[in-house]
Amino acid sequence: MRITPILSEKSLSLARIGKYSFWVDSSLTKRDIKELISETFGVNVKRVKTINFKKLTRKSYLGKKITKRASKKAVVEIGEKEEIDIFKENIKEKGK
């Protein structure tokens, strides 16, 4: 199972208030995501919200078809005193 953190400006600002964003496999349920995050990062997950993005097909300016795969984004809320180190380091780098 694949899980990738999202490190954009919006996700880093959400990380300051305890909400962390990840790209996850489309087949994972909220319960699976909760277990995977808690095992991987050793945190207590309170809530999981998911957003499904459907497959997109469009034409490029050259007329070729471009297909973007379907994906799922998960926003995970964890306990008040807990944090995930990956996001913390990137917040410090952005704050320079």
N, C-alpha and C. Protein backbone atom coordinates (compact mmCIF):
# COMPACT_ATOMS: atom_id res chain seq x y z
N MET A 1 0.84 -1.18 0.00
CA MET A 1 0.00 0.00 0.00
C MET A 1 0.88 1.24 0.00
N ARG A 2 0.48 2.18 -0.80
CA ARG A 2 1.30 3.37 -0.97
C ARG A 2 0.65 4.57 -0.29
N ILE A 3 1.48 5.34 0.38
CA ILE A 3 1.02 6.56 1.03
C ILE A 3 2.10 7.62 0.83
N THR A 4 1.69 8.80 0.35
CA THR A 4 2.64 9.87 0.05
C THR A 4 2.17 11.16 0.70
N PRO A 5 3.01 11.83 1.49
CA PRO A 5 2.59 13.10 2.09
C PRO A 5 2.50 14.21 1.04
N ILE A 6 1.56 15.11 1.23
CA ILE A 6 1.40 16.26 0.34
C ILE A 6 2.06 17.45 1.02
N LEU A 7 3.05 18.04 0.35
CA LEU A 7 3.82 19.13 0.96
C LEU A 7 3.62 20.43 0.18
N SER A 8 2.39 20.91 0.13
CA SER A 8 2.09 22.18 -0.52
C SER A 8 1.89 23.26 0.56
N GLU A 9 1.71 24.49 0.13
CA GLU A 9 1.49 25.57 1.10
C GLU A 9 0.25 25.33 1.93
N LYS A 10 -0.83 24.91 1.28
CA LYS A 10 -2.08 24.69 1.99
C LYS A 10 -1.96 23.54 2.98
N SER A 11 -1.32 22.44 2.58
CA SER A 11 -1.20 21.30 3.49
C SER A 11 -0.28 21.61 4.67
N LEU A 12 0.76 22.41 4.44
CA LEU A 12 1.64 22.79 5.54
C LEU A 12 0.94 23.73 6.52
N SER A 13 0.05 24.59 6.02
CA SER A 13 -0.70 25.45 6.94
C SER A 13 -1.72 24.63 7.74
N LEU A 14 -2.30 23.60 7.12
CA LEU A 14 -3.20 22.70 7.85
C LEU A 14 -2.43 21.86 8.88
N ALA A 15 -1.17 21.54 8.58
CA ALA A 15 -0.36 20.74 9.50
C ALA A 15 -0.12 21.49 10.80
N ARG A 16 -0.10 22.80 10.76
CA ARG A 16 0.10 23.59 11.99
C ARG A 16 -1.05 23.41 12.97
N ILE A 17 -2.25 23.09 12.46
CA ILE A 17 -3.40 22.90 13.35
C ILE A 17 -3.74 21.42 13.56
N GLY A 18 -2.82 20.53 13.14
CA GLY A 18 -2.99 19.11 13.43
C GLY A 18 -3.71 18.30 12.37
N LYS A 19 -3.81 18.83 11.13
CA LYS A 19 -4.45 18.10 10.04
C LYS A 19 -3.40 17.86 8.95
N TYR A 20 -3.16 16.60 8.63
CA TYR A 20 -2.09 16.23 7.71
C TYR A 20 -2.68 15.59 6.46
N SER A 21 -2.16 15.96 5.28
CA SER A 21 -2.69 15.50 4.00
C SER A 21 -1.77 14.47 3.36
N PHE A 22 -2.38 13.43 2.79
CA PHE A 22 -1.63 12.35 2.14
C PHE A 22 -2.35 11.92 0.86
N TRP A 23 -1.58 11.51 -0.16
CA TRP A 23 -2.13 10.79 -1.30
C TRP A 23 -2.10 9.32 -0.93
N VAL A 24 -3.20 8.62 -1.10
CA VAL A 24 -3.29 7.21 -0.75
C VAL A 24 -3.86 6.42 -1.93
N ASP A 25 -3.75 5.08 -1.87
CA ASP A 25 -4.34 4.23 -2.89
C ASP A 25 -5.85 4.41 -2.89
N SER A 26 -6.45 4.36 -4.06
CA SER A 26 -7.90 4.54 -4.18
C SER A 26 -8.69 3.42 -3.52
N SER A 27 -8.07 2.26 -3.35
CA SER A 27 -8.79 1.11 -2.80
C SER A 27 -8.87 1.14 -1.27
N LEU A 28 -8.13 2.00 -0.60
CA LEU A 28 -8.11 2.03 0.86
C LEU A 28 -9.36 2.68 1.43
N THR A 29 -9.87 2.11 2.52
CA THR A 29 -11.00 2.70 3.23
C THR A 29 -10.48 3.61 4.33
N LYS A 30 -11.37 4.35 4.98
CA LYS A 30 -10.97 5.24 6.06
C LYS A 30 -10.34 4.46 7.21
N ARG A 31 -10.88 3.30 7.50
CA ARG A 31 -10.34 2.46 8.58
C ARG A 31 -8.92 1.99 8.22
N ASP A 32 -8.71 1.59 6.96
CA ASP A 32 -7.38 1.16 6.52
C ASP A 32 -6.38 2.31 6.62
N ILE A 33 -6.80 3.50 6.20
CA ILE A 33 -5.93 4.68 6.25
C ILE A 33 -5.56 5.00 7.70
N LYS A 34 -6.54 4.93 8.58
CA LYS A 34 -6.31 5.21 10.00
C LYS A 34 -5.27 4.25 10.59
N GLU A 35 -5.42 2.97 10.30
CA GLU A 35 -4.48 1.97 10.81
C GLU A 35 -3.09 2.16 10.21
N LEU A 36 -3.03 2.45 8.92
CA LEU A 36 -1.75 2.63 8.23
C LEU A 36 -0.97 3.83 8.76
N ILE A 37 -1.66 4.96 8.98
CA ILE A 37 -1.02 6.17 9.51
C ILE A 37 -0.55 5.94 10.94
N SER A 38 -1.39 5.32 11.76
CA SER A 38 -1.00 5.12 13.17
C SER A 38 0.17 4.15 13.29
N GLU A 39 0.23 3.11 12.43
CA GLU A 39 1.36 2.19 12.47
C GLU A 39 2.64 2.83 11.93
N THR A 40 2.52 3.59 10.85
CA THR A 40 3.69 4.16 10.19
C THR A 40 4.33 5.26 11.02
N PHE A 41 3.53 6.18 11.56
CA PHE A 41 4.07 7.34 12.25
C PHE A 41 3.94 7.27 13.76
N GLY A 42 3.26 6.27 14.30
CA GLY A 42 3.13 6.11 15.75
C GLY A 42 2.32 7.20 16.41
N VAL A 43 1.22 7.61 15.78
CA VAL A 43 0.37 8.66 16.33
C VAL A 43 -1.05 8.11 16.51
N ASN A 44 -1.85 8.82 17.30
CA ASN A 44 -3.24 8.47 17.53
C ASN A 44 -4.12 9.26 16.56
N VAL A 45 -4.75 8.59 15.62
CA VAL A 45 -5.57 9.25 14.60
C VAL A 45 -6.98 9.43 15.13
N LYS A 46 -7.47 10.68 15.13
CA LYS A 46 -8.83 10.97 15.59
C LYS A 46 -9.85 10.86 14.46
N ARG A 47 -9.55 11.44 13.32
CA ARG A 47 -10.53 11.53 12.24
C ARG A 47 -9.82 11.45 10.89
N VAL A 48 -10.49 10.83 9.93
CA VAL A 48 -9.97 10.73 8.56
C VAL A 48 -11.04 11.24 7.61
N LYS A 49 -10.68 12.18 6.76
CA LYS A 49 -11.57 12.65 5.70
C LYS A 49 -10.92 12.32 4.36
N THR A 50 -11.71 11.83 3.42
CA THR A 50 -11.15 11.46 2.13
C THR A 50 -11.84 12.22 1.00
N ILE A 51 -11.08 12.43 -0.08
CA ILE A 51 -11.58 13.11 -1.27
C ILE A 51 -11.16 12.26 -2.46
N ASN A 52 -12.13 11.83 -3.28
CA ASN A 52 -11.83 11.04 -4.46
C ASN A 52 -11.73 11.94 -5.68
N PHE A 53 -10.69 11.73 -6.47
CA PHE A 53 -10.52 12.45 -7.73
C PHE A 53 -10.68 11.43 -8.85
N LYS A 54 -11.60 11.68 -9.78
CA LYS A 54 -11.81 10.69 -10.84
C LYS A 54 -10.82 10.86 -11.97
N LYS A 55 -10.75 9.85 -12.82
CA LYS A 55 -9.83 9.82 -13.95
C LYS A 55 -10.19 10.94 -14.93
N LEU A 56 -9.18 11.64 -15.43
CA LEU A 56 -9.40 12.72 -16.38
C LEU A 56 -8.70 12.42 -17.70
N THR A 57 -9.38 12.67 -18.79
CA THR A 57 -8.79 12.52 -20.12
C THR A 57 -8.99 13.83 -20.85
N ARG A 58 -7.91 14.35 -21.41
CA ARG A 58 -8.01 15.59 -22.17
C ARG A 58 -6.99 15.56 -23.29
N LYS A 59 -7.04 16.55 -24.15
CA LYS A 59 -6.09 16.63 -25.25
C LYS A 59 -5.04 17.69 -24.95
N SER A 60 -3.81 17.42 -25.34
CA SER A 60 -2.75 18.40 -25.18
C SER A 60 -2.83 19.39 -26.35
N TYR A 61 -1.99 20.39 -26.34
CA TYR A 61 -2.02 21.37 -27.42
C TYR A 61 -1.57 20.77 -28.75
N LEU A 62 -0.90 19.61 -28.70
CA LEU A 62 -0.50 18.91 -29.92
C LEU A 62 -1.57 17.95 -30.42
N GLY A 63 -2.64 17.80 -29.67
CA GLY A 63 -3.73 16.92 -30.06
C GLY A 63 -3.63 15.52 -29.52
N LYS A 64 -2.64 15.23 -28.68
CA LYS A 64 -2.49 13.90 -28.10
C LYS A 64 -3.37 13.78 -26.86
N LYS A 65 -3.88 12.56 -26.62
CA LYS A 65 -4.69 12.33 -25.43
C LYS A 65 -3.79 12.18 -24.21
N ILE A 66 -4.13 12.87 -23.14
CA ILE A 66 -3.42 12.76 -21.87
C ILE A 66 -4.41 12.24 -20.83
N THR A 67 -4.02 11.18 -20.14
CA THR A 67 -4.89 10.58 -19.14
C THR A 67 -4.25 10.73 -17.77
N LYS A 68 -5.00 11.27 -16.83
CA LYS A 68 -4.56 11.39 -15.45
C LYS A 68 -5.31 10.34 -14.64
N ARG A 69 -4.57 9.52 -13.89
CA ARG A 69 -5.17 8.42 -13.14
C ARG A 69 -6.10 8.92 -12.04
N ALA A 70 -7.03 8.07 -11.65
CA ALA A 70 -7.88 8.34 -10.50
C ALA A 70 -7.03 8.27 -9.24
N SER A 71 -7.33 9.12 -8.26
CA SER A 71 -6.53 9.15 -7.04
C SER A 71 -7.42 9.49 -5.84
N LYS A 72 -6.86 9.35 -4.66
CA LYS A 72 -7.59 9.64 -3.42
C LYS A 72 -6.69 10.43 -2.49
N LYS A 73 -7.24 11.49 -1.91
CA LYS A 73 -6.53 12.32 -0.95
C LYS A 73 -7.16 12.10 0.42
N ALA A 74 -6.33 11.94 1.44
CA ALA A 74 -6.82 11.75 2.80
C ALA A 74 -6.29 12.86 3.68
N VAL A 75 -7.18 13.49 4.44
CA VAL A 75 -6.79 14.49 5.43
C VAL A 75 -7.01 13.85 6.80
N VAL A 76 -5.92 13.71 7.54
CA VAL A 76 -5.92 12.97 8.81
C VAL A 76 -5.75 13.95 9.95
N GLU A 77 -6.63 13.86 10.94
CA GLU A 77 -6.53 14.69 12.14
C GLU A 77 -6.02 13.82 13.28
N ILE A 78 -4.96 14.29 13.95
CA ILE A 78 -4.35 13.50 15.03
C ILE A 78 -4.52 14.22 16.37
N GLY A 79 -4.04 13.59 17.44
CA GLY A 79 -4.16 14.14 18.78
C GLY A 79 -3.50 15.50 18.92
N GLU A 80 -3.89 16.25 19.95
CA GLU A 80 -3.42 17.62 20.15
C GLU A 80 -1.92 17.73 20.35
N LYS A 81 -1.33 16.89 21.15
CA LYS A 81 0.09 17.02 21.50
C LYS A 81 0.99 16.21 20.57
N GLU A 82 0.42 15.58 19.54
CA GLU A 82 1.20 14.75 18.62
C GLU A 82 1.46 15.50 17.33
N GLU A 83 2.53 15.11 16.63
CA GLU A 83 2.83 15.69 15.33
C GLU A 83 3.61 14.68 14.50
N ILE A 84 3.61 14.91 13.18
CA ILE A 84 4.33 14.06 12.26
C ILE A 84 5.57 14.82 11.80
N ASP A 85 6.72 14.21 11.95
CA ASP A 85 8.00 14.89 11.73
C ASP A 85 8.22 15.37 10.31
N ILE A 86 7.73 14.66 9.32
CA ILE A 86 7.94 15.06 7.91
C ILE A 86 7.40 16.46 7.67
N PHE A 87 6.22 16.76 8.18
CA PHE A 87 5.59 18.06 7.98
C PHE A 87 6.27 19.12 8.82
N LYS A 88 6.73 18.76 10.01
CA LYS A 88 7.36 19.73 10.91
C LYS A 88 8.65 20.28 10.30
N GLU A 89 9.47 19.42 9.70
CA GLU A 89 10.72 19.85 9.08
C GLU A 89 10.47 20.79 7.92
N ASN A 90 9.46 20.51 7.11
CA ASN A 90 9.17 21.34 5.95
C ASN A 90 8.56 22.69 6.36
N ILE A 91 7.86 22.74 7.47
CA ILE A 91 7.34 24.02 7.97
C ILE A 91 8.50 24.91 8.38
N LYS A 92 9.52 24.35 9.03
CA LYS A 92 10.70 25.13 9.41
C LYS A 92 11.43 25.67 8.20
N GLU A 93 11.56 24.83 7.14
CA GLU A 93 12.25 25.27 5.92
C GLU A 93 11.47 26.41 5.24
N LYS A 94 10.16 26.32 5.21
CA LYS A 94 9.34 27.36 4.57
C LYS A 94 9.37 28.66 5.36
N GLY A 95 9.55 28.55 6.69
CA GLY A 95 9.53 29.72 7.55
C GLY A 95 10.79 30.57 7.51
N LYS A 96 11.83 30.14 6.83
CA LYS A 96 13.11 30.88 6.80
C LYS A 96 12.99 32.22 6.16
